[in-house]
Amino acid sequence: MSLIEFVAYLLYDRTGDHSRLLHGGRLTQQYCVDQWSKAEQQRLRYIENNQLEFRLETIQGRTDANRHEECARLGNVNKNTSNGTIEPDANDVGRRLILSPSFTGGPRYMYQRFMNAMAIVRELGAPNRFITYTCNPIKGNLRPGQTAADHPDIVARDFMRKLKAINKGFDGS
């Protein structure tokens, strides 16, 4: 079970179950942000530890370090060289971490999404409509004393339901 699946289990609103976590208001939101941050850090650590398996590591970073080209950090350089040049400290030479396009939010992911959008524009033409709508959450889903800010999950669910209804009208189905 992943961390996100476990947190989703904890955040599920069960009938007859009084969860203190769900009644925390802004603290619940902070908890969700912290757990998401932890999960993303785990994903990044996994990618970092398995770079060779992904065959994404490049040798360019090591080549630059060997040539002493702009890889020294400020304040962490070895200034005691025989020819008077500044050399990088060997402990500060890192390796390049390349994120695959499957990492959501990474530069390659964003570039791929942009290229997909431009392909759609090339095929169908530029968009000619700008549609906005408001999404007021259904009050029946909230318990007495709760606001929409207390349950972003309900707001997101209602938003997706209404978005699907709007998109259904454009698809002609």
N, C-alpha and C. Protein backbone atom coordinates (compact mmCIF):
# COMPACT_ATOMS: atom_id res chain seq x y z
N MET A 1 0.85 -1.17 0.00
CA MET A 1 0.00 0.00 0.00
C MET A 1 0.90 1.23 0.00
N SER A 2 0.62 2.15 -0.87
CA SER A 2 1.42 3.38 -0.95
C SER A 2 0.96 4.38 0.11
N LEU A 3 1.77 5.39 0.32
CA LEU A 3 1.43 6.43 1.29
C LEU A 3 0.15 7.15 0.88
N ILE A 4 0.01 7.45 -0.39
CA ILE A 4 -1.19 8.16 -0.87
C ILE A 4 -2.44 7.30 -0.65
N GLU A 5 -2.34 6.00 -0.90
CA GLU A 5 -3.49 5.12 -0.68
C GLU A 5 -3.86 5.07 0.81
N PHE A 6 -2.85 5.04 1.68
CA PHE A 6 -3.11 5.01 3.12
C PHE A 6 -3.78 6.30 3.58
N VAL A 7 -3.28 7.43 3.10
CA VAL A 7 -3.87 8.72 3.49
C VAL A 7 -5.29 8.83 2.93
N ALA A 8 -5.51 8.33 1.71
CA ALA A 8 -6.86 8.34 1.15
C ALA A 8 -7.81 7.51 2.02
N TYR A 9 -7.30 6.39 2.53
CA TYR A 9 -8.11 5.56 3.44
C TYR A 9 -8.46 6.33 4.71
N LEU A 10 -7.47 7.05 5.27
CA LEU A 10 -7.72 7.82 6.49
C LEU A 10 -8.70 8.96 6.26
N LEU A 11 -8.65 9.55 5.07
CA LEU A 11 -9.48 10.72 4.78
C LEU A 11 -10.87 10.37 4.26
N TYR A 12 -11.14 9.09 4.06
CA TYR A 12 -12.46 8.70 3.56
C TYR A 12 -13.49 8.92 4.66
N ASP A 13 -14.56 9.59 4.32
CA ASP A 13 -15.62 9.90 5.29
C ASP A 13 -16.56 8.72 5.39
N ARG A 14 -16.53 8.04 6.52
CA ARG A 14 -17.37 6.87 6.74
C ARG A 14 -18.59 7.24 7.57
N THR A 15 -19.72 6.66 7.25
CA THR A 15 -20.95 6.92 8.00
C THR A 15 -20.83 6.29 9.39
N GLY A 16 -21.15 7.07 10.40
CA GLY A 16 -21.12 6.57 11.77
C GLY A 16 -19.74 6.58 12.40
N ASP A 17 -18.73 7.04 11.68
CA ASP A 17 -17.37 7.08 12.21
C ASP A 17 -16.98 8.53 12.43
N HIS A 18 -16.63 8.88 13.64
CA HIS A 18 -16.23 10.25 13.95
C HIS A 18 -14.71 10.35 13.87
N SER A 19 -14.22 10.84 12.75
CA SER A 19 -12.78 10.97 12.56
C SER A 19 -12.34 12.37 12.94
N ARG A 20 -11.42 12.46 13.88
CA ARG A 20 -10.91 13.78 14.26
C ARG A 20 -10.14 14.41 13.12
N LEU A 21 -9.55 13.57 12.30
CA LEU A 21 -8.77 14.09 11.17
C LEU A 21 -9.66 14.87 10.20
N LEU A 22 -10.87 14.39 9.99
CA LEU A 22 -11.77 15.05 9.04
C LEU A 22 -12.40 16.32 9.60
N HIS A 23 -12.33 16.52 10.90
CA HIS A 23 -12.93 17.71 11.51
C HIS A 23 -11.88 18.72 11.92
N GLY A 24 -10.69 18.63 11.35
CA GLY A 24 -9.60 19.52 11.72
C GLY A 24 -9.59 20.84 10.99
N GLY A 25 -10.43 21.00 9.98
CA GLY A 25 -10.47 22.26 9.24
C GLY A 25 -9.16 22.52 8.52
N ARG A 26 -8.55 23.66 8.81
CA ARG A 26 -7.30 24.04 8.13
C ARG A 26 -6.15 23.12 8.51
N LEU A 27 -6.20 22.53 9.70
CA LEU A 27 -5.16 21.57 10.08
C LEU A 27 -5.22 20.32 9.21
N THR A 28 -6.42 19.92 8.84
CA THR A 28 -6.56 18.79 7.93
C THR A 28 -5.94 19.12 6.57
N GLN A 29 -6.16 20.34 6.11
CA GLN A 29 -5.55 20.74 4.84
C GLN A 29 -4.03 20.73 4.94
N GLN A 30 -3.48 21.20 6.05
CA GLN A 30 -2.03 21.18 6.24
C GLN A 30 -1.52 19.75 6.28
N TYR A 31 -2.27 18.87 6.92
CA TYR A 31 -1.90 17.45 6.97
C TYR A 31 -1.85 16.87 5.56
N CYS A 32 -2.85 17.19 4.75
CA CYS A 32 -2.88 16.69 3.37
C CYS A 32 -1.69 17.20 2.57
N VAL A 33 -1.35 18.47 2.73
CA VAL A 33 -0.20 19.03 2.02
C VAL A 33 1.08 18.34 2.46
N ASP A 34 1.23 18.12 3.76
CA ASP A 34 2.43 17.45 4.28
C ASP A 34 2.54 16.03 3.75
N GLN A 35 1.44 15.31 3.71
CA GLN A 35 1.48 13.93 3.23
C GLN A 35 1.77 13.88 1.73
N TRP A 36 1.21 14.82 0.98
CA TRP A 36 1.49 14.87 -0.46
C TRP A 36 2.96 15.19 -0.69
N SER A 37 3.49 16.10 0.09
CA SER A 37 4.91 16.45 -0.02
C SER A 37 5.78 15.24 0.29
N LYS A 38 5.41 14.47 1.32
CA LYS A 38 6.16 13.25 1.66
C LYS A 38 6.12 12.25 0.52
N ALA A 39 4.95 12.07 -0.07
CA ALA A 39 4.81 11.11 -1.16
C ALA A 39 5.62 11.53 -2.37
N GLU A 40 5.62 12.82 -2.68
CA GLU A 40 6.41 13.30 -3.81
C GLU A 40 7.90 13.15 -3.54
N GLN A 41 8.32 13.38 -2.31
CA GLN A 41 9.73 13.19 -1.95
C GLN A 41 10.12 11.72 -2.11
N GLN A 42 9.23 10.80 -1.75
CA GLN A 42 9.50 9.38 -1.93
C GLN A 42 9.65 9.04 -3.41
N ARG A 43 8.79 9.61 -4.25
CA ARG A 43 8.89 9.36 -5.69
C ARG A 43 10.20 9.89 -6.25
N LEU A 44 10.61 11.09 -5.81
CA LEU A 44 11.87 11.66 -6.28
C LEU A 44 13.06 10.83 -5.80
N ARG A 45 13.02 10.35 -4.57
CA ARG A 45 14.10 9.52 -4.04
C ARG A 45 14.19 8.21 -4.81
N TYR A 46 13.04 7.64 -5.17
CA TYR A 46 13.04 6.41 -5.96
C TYR A 46 13.69 6.65 -7.32
N ILE A 47 13.33 7.75 -7.96
CA ILE A 47 13.92 8.07 -9.26
C ILE A 47 15.42 8.28 -9.13
N GLU A 48 15.83 8.97 -8.07
CA GLU A 48 17.25 9.22 -7.85
C GLU A 48 18.02 7.91 -7.63
N ASN A 49 17.45 7.01 -6.87
CA ASN A 49 18.14 5.76 -6.56
C ASN A 49 18.14 4.78 -7.72
N ASN A 50 17.28 4.97 -8.70
CA ASN A 50 17.17 4.04 -9.82
C ASN A 50 17.49 4.69 -11.15
N GLN A 51 18.33 5.70 -11.15
CA GLN A 51 18.68 6.38 -12.40
C GLN A 51 19.32 5.42 -13.40
N LEU A 52 20.19 4.54 -12.94
CA LEU A 52 20.85 3.62 -13.86
C LEU A 52 19.86 2.65 -14.49
N GLU A 53 18.86 2.24 -13.73
CA GLU A 53 17.85 1.35 -14.29
C GLU A 53 17.00 2.06 -15.34
N PHE A 54 16.80 3.35 -15.16
CA PHE A 54 16.03 4.12 -16.13
C PHE A 54 16.89 4.52 -17.33
N ARG A 55 18.17 4.31 -17.25
CA ARG A 55 19.14 4.69 -18.29
C ARG A 55 19.02 6.16 -18.65
N LEU A 56 18.90 7.00 -17.62
CA LEU A 56 18.76 8.43 -17.86
C LEU A 56 19.97 9.22 -17.41
N GLU A 57 20.87 8.58 -16.67
CA GLU A 57 22.01 9.32 -16.14
C GLU A 57 22.95 9.69 -17.28
N THR A 58 23.45 10.89 -17.26
CA THR A 58 24.40 11.31 -18.29
C THR A 58 25.79 11.43 -17.69
N ILE A 59 26.75 11.37 -18.54
CA ILE A 59 28.15 11.46 -18.10
C ILE A 59 28.62 12.91 -18.20
N GLN A 60 27.82 13.78 -18.75
CA GLN A 60 28.24 15.16 -18.95
C GLN A 60 28.61 15.85 -17.65
N GLY A 61 27.89 15.61 -16.57
CA GLY A 61 28.20 16.23 -15.29
C GLY A 61 29.57 15.85 -14.79
N ARG A 62 29.94 14.59 -14.95
CA ARG A 62 31.28 14.16 -14.54
C ARG A 62 32.34 14.73 -15.46
N THR A 63 32.04 14.83 -16.74
CA THR A 63 33.00 15.41 -17.68
C THR A 63 33.28 16.86 -17.32
N ASP A 64 32.22 17.61 -17.01
CA ASP A 64 32.41 19.01 -16.61
C ASP A 64 33.23 19.11 -15.34
N ALA A 65 33.00 18.21 -14.40
CA ALA A 65 33.74 18.25 -13.15
C ALA A 65 35.22 17.97 -13.39
N ASN A 66 35.50 17.08 -14.30
CA ASN A 66 36.90 16.78 -14.60
C ASN A 66 37.60 17.95 -15.27
N ARG A 67 36.87 18.72 -16.03
CA ARG A 67 37.45 19.88 -16.72
C ARG A 67 37.43 21.13 -15.85
N HIS A 68 36.84 21.06 -14.67
CA HIS A 68 36.75 22.20 -13.74
C HIS A 68 35.96 23.36 -14.34
N GLU A 69 34.91 23.05 -15.06
CA GLU A 69 34.11 24.10 -15.71
C GLU A 69 32.86 24.40 -14.89
N GLU A 70 32.92 25.47 -14.15
CA GLU A 70 31.77 26.02 -13.45
C GLU A 70 30.99 25.01 -12.63
N CYS A 71 31.69 24.18 -11.91
CA CYS A 71 30.97 23.24 -11.07
C CYS A 71 31.32 23.43 -9.61
N ALA A 72 32.06 24.48 -9.30
CA ALA A 72 32.41 24.76 -7.91
C ALA A 72 31.31 25.60 -7.27
N ARG A 73 30.94 25.25 -6.07
CA ARG A 73 29.97 26.06 -5.34
C ARG A 73 30.71 27.18 -4.65
N LEU A 74 30.04 28.29 -4.49
CA LEU A 74 30.67 29.42 -3.81
C LEU A 74 30.99 29.04 -2.38
N GLY A 75 32.22 29.32 -1.98
CA GLY A 75 32.63 29.05 -0.61
C GLY A 75 33.14 27.65 -0.39
N ASN A 76 32.91 26.73 -1.30
CA ASN A 76 33.37 25.35 -1.15
C ASN A 76 34.35 25.01 -2.26
N VAL A 77 35.39 25.77 -2.37
CA VAL A 77 36.38 25.51 -3.41
C VAL A 77 37.74 25.33 -2.76
N ASN A 78 38.60 24.61 -3.45
CA ASN A 78 39.96 24.38 -2.99
C ASN A 78 40.84 25.45 -3.62
N LYS A 79 41.23 26.45 -2.84
CA LYS A 79 42.00 27.57 -3.38
C LYS A 79 43.50 27.33 -3.28
N ASN A 80 43.92 26.26 -2.64
CA ASN A 80 45.34 26.00 -2.46
C ASN A 80 45.86 25.10 -3.56
N THR A 81 45.90 25.59 -4.76
CA THR A 81 46.43 24.82 -5.87
C THR A 81 47.78 25.36 -6.25
N SER A 82 48.57 24.54 -6.91
CA SER A 82 49.93 24.94 -7.26
C SER A 82 49.97 26.02 -8.33
N ASN A 83 49.01 26.03 -9.24
CA ASN A 83 49.03 27.03 -10.31
C ASN A 83 48.14 28.23 -10.02
N GLY A 84 47.53 28.30 -8.83
CA GLY A 84 46.75 29.46 -8.44
C GLY A 84 45.32 29.47 -8.95
N THR A 85 44.87 28.41 -9.61
CA THR A 85 43.49 28.35 -10.11
C THR A 85 42.57 27.81 -9.03
N ILE A 86 41.30 28.06 -9.20
CA ILE A 86 40.29 27.57 -8.25
C ILE A 86 39.75 26.25 -8.78
N GLU A 87 39.81 25.22 -7.94
CA GLU A 87 39.30 23.91 -8.32
C GLU A 87 38.08 23.59 -7.46
N PRO A 88 37.15 22.84 -8.00
CA PRO A 88 35.98 22.46 -7.20
C PRO A 88 36.37 21.46 -6.12
N ASP A 89 35.65 21.52 -5.02
CA ASP A 89 35.83 20.53 -3.96
C ASP A 89 35.19 19.23 -4.43
N ALA A 90 35.93 18.14 -4.34
CA ALA A 90 35.44 16.86 -4.86
C ALA A 90 34.16 16.40 -4.15
N ASN A 91 33.95 16.83 -2.92
CA ASN A 91 32.75 16.42 -2.19
C ASN A 91 31.49 17.10 -2.72
N ASP A 92 31.64 18.20 -3.45
CA ASP A 92 30.48 18.95 -3.94
C ASP A 92 30.08 18.59 -5.36
N VAL A 93 30.85 17.72 -6.00
CA VAL A 93 30.52 17.35 -7.37
C VAL A 93 29.37 16.35 -7.30
N GLY A 94 28.23 16.75 -7.82
CA GLY A 94 27.05 15.90 -7.76
C GLY A 94 26.83 15.20 -9.07
N ARG A 95 25.76 14.48 -9.11
CA ARG A 95 25.40 13.85 -10.37
C ARG A 95 24.08 14.43 -10.82
N ARG A 96 23.89 14.44 -12.08
CA ARG A 96 22.70 15.03 -12.67
C ARG A 96 21.52 14.08 -12.50
N LEU A 97 20.41 14.61 -12.07
CA LEU A 97 19.19 13.83 -11.90
C LEU A 97 18.22 14.25 -13.00
N ILE A 98 17.85 13.31 -13.83
CA ILE A 98 16.96 13.60 -14.95
C ILE A 98 15.61 12.96 -14.65
N LEU A 99 14.58 13.79 -14.65
CA LEU A 99 13.22 13.30 -14.41
C LEU A 99 12.61 12.83 -15.72
N SER A 100 11.98 11.68 -15.69
CA SER A 100 11.34 11.16 -16.88
C SER A 100 10.03 11.91 -17.13
N PRO A 101 9.49 11.80 -18.33
CA PRO A 101 8.22 12.47 -18.62
C PRO A 101 7.05 11.92 -17.80
N SER A 102 7.23 10.78 -17.17
CA SER A 102 6.15 10.22 -16.37
C SER A 102 6.04 10.87 -14.99
N PHE A 103 7.05 11.67 -14.60
CA PHE A 103 6.98 12.37 -13.31
C PHE A 103 6.12 13.61 -13.49
N THR A 104 4.94 13.60 -12.90
CA THR A 104 3.97 14.68 -13.05
C THR A 104 4.54 15.99 -12.52
N GLY A 105 4.52 17.01 -13.36
CA GLY A 105 5.00 18.33 -12.96
C GLY A 105 6.44 18.60 -13.31
N GLY A 106 7.16 17.58 -13.75
CA GLY A 106 8.56 17.76 -14.13
C GLY A 106 8.67 18.50 -15.45
N PRO A 107 9.87 18.99 -15.79
CA PRO A 107 10.03 19.75 -17.03
C PRO A 107 9.74 18.94 -18.28
N ARG A 108 10.13 17.68 -18.32
CA ARG A 108 9.85 16.86 -19.50
C ARG A 108 8.35 16.57 -19.61
N TYR A 109 7.68 16.37 -18.49
CA TYR A 109 6.23 16.16 -18.48
C TYR A 109 5.53 17.39 -19.04
N MET A 110 5.93 18.57 -18.55
CA MET A 110 5.29 19.81 -19.01
C MET A 110 5.56 20.04 -20.49
N TYR A 111 6.78 19.75 -20.94
CA TYR A 111 7.11 19.93 -22.35
C TYR A 111 6.27 18.98 -23.21
N GLN A 112 6.10 17.74 -22.75
CA GLN A 112 5.30 16.78 -23.50
C GLN A 112 3.84 17.23 -23.57
N ARG A 113 3.31 17.73 -22.47
CA ARG A 113 1.93 18.23 -22.47
C ARG A 113 1.78 19.43 -23.42
N PHE A 114 2.78 20.32 -23.41
CA PHE A 114 2.75 21.47 -24.31
C PHE A 114 2.75 21.02 -25.76
N MET A 115 3.61 20.06 -26.08
CA MET A 115 3.69 19.58 -27.46
C MET A 115 2.38 18.90 -27.88
N ASN A 116 1.74 18.18 -26.96
CA ASN A 116 0.44 17.58 -27.26
C ASN A 116 -0.61 18.66 -27.53
N ALA A 117 -0.59 19.72 -26.74
CA ALA A 117 -1.54 20.82 -26.95
C ALA A 117 -1.30 21.50 -28.29
N MET A 118 -0.04 21.68 -28.66
CA MET A 118 0.27 22.32 -29.94
C MET A 118 -0.12 21.42 -31.11
N ALA A 119 -0.04 20.10 -30.94
CA ALA A 119 -0.49 19.19 -31.98
C ALA A 119 -2.00 19.30 -32.18
N ILE A 120 -2.73 19.46 -31.09
CA ILE A 120 -4.18 19.64 -31.19
C ILE A 120 -4.50 20.95 -31.91
N VAL A 121 -3.77 22.01 -31.59
CA VAL A 121 -3.98 23.30 -32.26
C VAL A 121 -3.65 23.17 -33.75
N ARG A 122 -2.60 22.43 -34.07
CA ARG A 122 -2.22 22.26 -35.48
C ARG A 122 -3.32 21.52 -36.24
N GLU A 123 -3.93 20.52 -35.61
CA GLU A 123 -4.96 19.73 -36.28
C GLU A 123 -6.32 20.43 -36.33
N LEU A 124 -6.72 21.04 -35.22
CA LEU A 124 -8.07 21.59 -35.11
C LEU A 124 -8.14 23.11 -35.20
N GLY A 125 -7.00 23.77 -35.15
CA GLY A 125 -7.00 25.22 -35.17
C GLY A 125 -6.97 25.79 -33.76
N ALA A 126 -6.77 27.09 -33.69
CA ALA A 126 -6.69 27.75 -32.39
C ALA A 126 -8.05 27.74 -31.71
N PRO A 127 -8.07 27.72 -30.38
CA PRO A 127 -9.36 27.75 -29.68
C PRO A 127 -10.09 29.06 -29.94
N ASN A 128 -11.41 28.97 -30.07
CA ASN A 128 -12.19 30.17 -30.34
C ASN A 128 -13.23 30.44 -29.26
N ARG A 129 -13.17 29.69 -28.15
CA ARG A 129 -14.09 29.90 -27.04
C ARG A 129 -13.31 29.92 -25.74
N PHE A 130 -13.79 30.73 -24.83
CA PHE A 130 -13.24 30.77 -23.48
C PHE A 130 -14.42 30.66 -22.54
N ILE A 131 -14.56 29.52 -21.92
CA ILE A 131 -15.74 29.24 -21.12
C ILE A 131 -15.36 29.23 -19.65
N THR A 132 -16.15 29.94 -18.85
CA THR A 132 -15.96 29.90 -17.40
C THR A 132 -17.29 29.51 -16.76
N TYR A 133 -17.20 28.93 -15.60
CA TYR A 133 -18.41 28.66 -14.83
C TYR A 133 -18.03 28.56 -13.37
N THR A 134 -19.02 28.74 -12.52
CA THR A 134 -18.78 28.64 -11.09
C THR A 134 -19.23 27.27 -10.61
N CYS A 135 -18.60 26.83 -9.58
CA CYS A 135 -18.94 25.52 -9.02
C CYS A 135 -19.21 25.68 -7.54
N ASN A 136 -20.45 25.88 -7.20
CA ASN A 136 -20.83 25.96 -5.79
C ASN A 136 -21.09 24.55 -5.28
N PRO A 137 -20.44 24.16 -4.19
CA PRO A 137 -20.63 22.79 -3.70
C PRO A 137 -22.06 22.57 -3.21
N ILE A 138 -22.48 21.35 -3.34
CA ILE A 138 -23.82 20.98 -2.88
C ILE A 138 -23.81 20.97 -1.36
N LYS A 139 -24.68 21.75 -0.76
CA LYS A 139 -24.71 21.87 0.69
C LYS A 139 -25.13 20.57 1.37
N GLY A 140 -25.84 19.71 0.67
CA GLY A 140 -26.29 18.46 1.27
C GLY A 140 -25.15 17.52 1.64
N ASN A 141 -24.00 17.69 1.01
CA ASN A 141 -22.87 16.82 1.29
C ASN A 141 -22.09 17.26 2.52
N LEU A 142 -22.31 18.48 2.97
CA LEU A 142 -21.58 19.00 4.12
C LEU A 142 -22.40 18.81 5.39
N ARG A 143 -21.72 18.52 6.46
CA ARG A 143 -22.38 18.39 7.76
C ARG A 143 -22.63 19.78 8.34
N PRO A 144 -23.55 19.89 9.29
CA PRO A 144 -23.82 21.20 9.90
C PRO A 144 -22.55 21.78 10.52
N GLY A 145 -22.31 23.06 10.25
CA GLY A 145 -21.14 23.74 10.79
C GLY A 145 -19.91 23.65 9.91
N GLN A 146 -19.97 22.90 8.81
CA GLN A 146 -18.83 22.77 7.92
C GLN A 146 -18.99 23.69 6.72
N THR A 147 -17.87 24.12 6.20
CA THR A 147 -17.87 24.95 5.00
C THR A 147 -17.18 24.18 3.87
N ALA A 148 -17.26 24.72 2.69
CA ALA A 148 -16.61 24.08 1.55
C ALA A 148 -15.10 24.03 1.73
N ALA A 149 -14.54 25.00 2.44
CA ALA A 149 -13.09 25.01 2.69
C ALA A 149 -12.66 23.86 3.59
N ASP A 150 -13.58 23.32 4.38
CA ASP A 150 -13.26 22.19 5.25
C ASP A 150 -13.16 20.88 4.48
N HIS A 151 -13.79 20.81 3.31
CA HIS A 151 -13.81 19.57 2.52
C HIS A 151 -13.49 19.84 1.06
N PRO A 152 -12.22 20.05 0.74
CA PRO A 152 -11.86 20.24 -0.67
C PRO A 152 -12.14 19.00 -1.51
N ASP A 153 -12.21 17.83 -0.87
CA ASP A 153 -12.53 16.61 -1.62
C ASP A 153 -13.95 16.65 -2.18
N ILE A 154 -14.89 17.17 -1.40
CA ILE A 154 -16.27 17.29 -1.87
C ILE A 154 -16.36 18.33 -2.99
N VAL A 155 -15.64 19.43 -2.83
CA VAL A 155 -15.63 20.47 -3.86
C VAL A 155 -15.05 19.90 -5.15
N ALA A 156 -13.94 19.15 -5.05
CA ALA A 156 -13.32 18.57 -6.24
C ALA A 156 -14.25 17.55 -6.91
N ARG A 157 -14.94 16.75 -6.12
CA ARG A 157 -15.86 15.76 -6.67
C ARG A 157 -17.01 16.44 -7.40
N ASP A 158 -17.59 17.48 -6.80
CA ASP A 158 -18.67 18.22 -7.45
C ASP A 158 -18.19 18.92 -8.71
N PHE A 159 -16.97 19.47 -8.65
CA PHE A 159 -16.41 20.14 -9.82
C PHE A 159 -16.26 19.15 -10.98
N MET A 160 -15.70 17.97 -10.70
CA MET A 160 -15.50 16.99 -11.77
C MET A 160 -16.84 16.51 -12.33
N ARG A 161 -17.83 16.35 -11.48
CA ARG A 161 -19.15 15.93 -11.94
C ARG A 161 -19.74 16.97 -12.89
N LYS A 162 -19.64 18.25 -12.50
CA LYS A 162 -20.19 19.32 -13.34
C LYS A 162 -19.37 19.51 -14.61
N LEU A 163 -18.05 19.32 -14.52
CA LEU A 163 -17.20 19.43 -15.71
C LEU A 163 -17.53 18.34 -16.72
N LYS A 164 -17.76 17.12 -16.24
CA LYS A 164 -18.15 16.04 -17.15
C LYS A 164 -19.49 16.33 -17.81
N ALA A 165 -20.41 16.93 -17.06
CA ALA A 165 -21.72 17.28 -17.63
C ALA A 165 -21.57 18.34 -18.71
N ILE A 166 -20.71 19.31 -18.49
CA ILE A 166 -20.49 20.36 -19.50
C ILE A 166 -19.81 19.77 -20.73
N ASN A 167 -18.79 18.94 -20.52
CA ASN A 167 -18.07 18.34 -21.64
C ASN A 167 -18.97 17.41 -22.44
N LYS A 168 -19.93 16.78 -21.79
CA LYS A 168 -20.85 15.90 -22.49
C LYS A 168 -21.65 16.70 -23.52
N GLY A 169 -21.99 17.94 -23.19
CA GLY A 169 -22.71 18.79 -24.12
C GLY A 169 -21.89 19.16 -25.35
N PHE A 170 -20.58 19.28 -25.20
CA PHE A 170 -19.72 19.61 -26.34
C PHE A 170 -19.44 18.40 -27.21
N ASP A 171 -19.43 17.22 -26.61
CA ASP A 171 -19.16 16.01 -27.38
C ASP A 171 -20.35 15.61 -28.24
N GLY A 172 -21.51 16.14 -27.91
CA GLY A 172 -22.70 15.81 -28.68
C GLY A 172 -23.37 14.53 -28.20
N SER A 173 -22.89 14.00 -27.09
CA SER A 173 -23.50 12.75 -26.61
C SER A 173 -24.47 13.02 -25.48
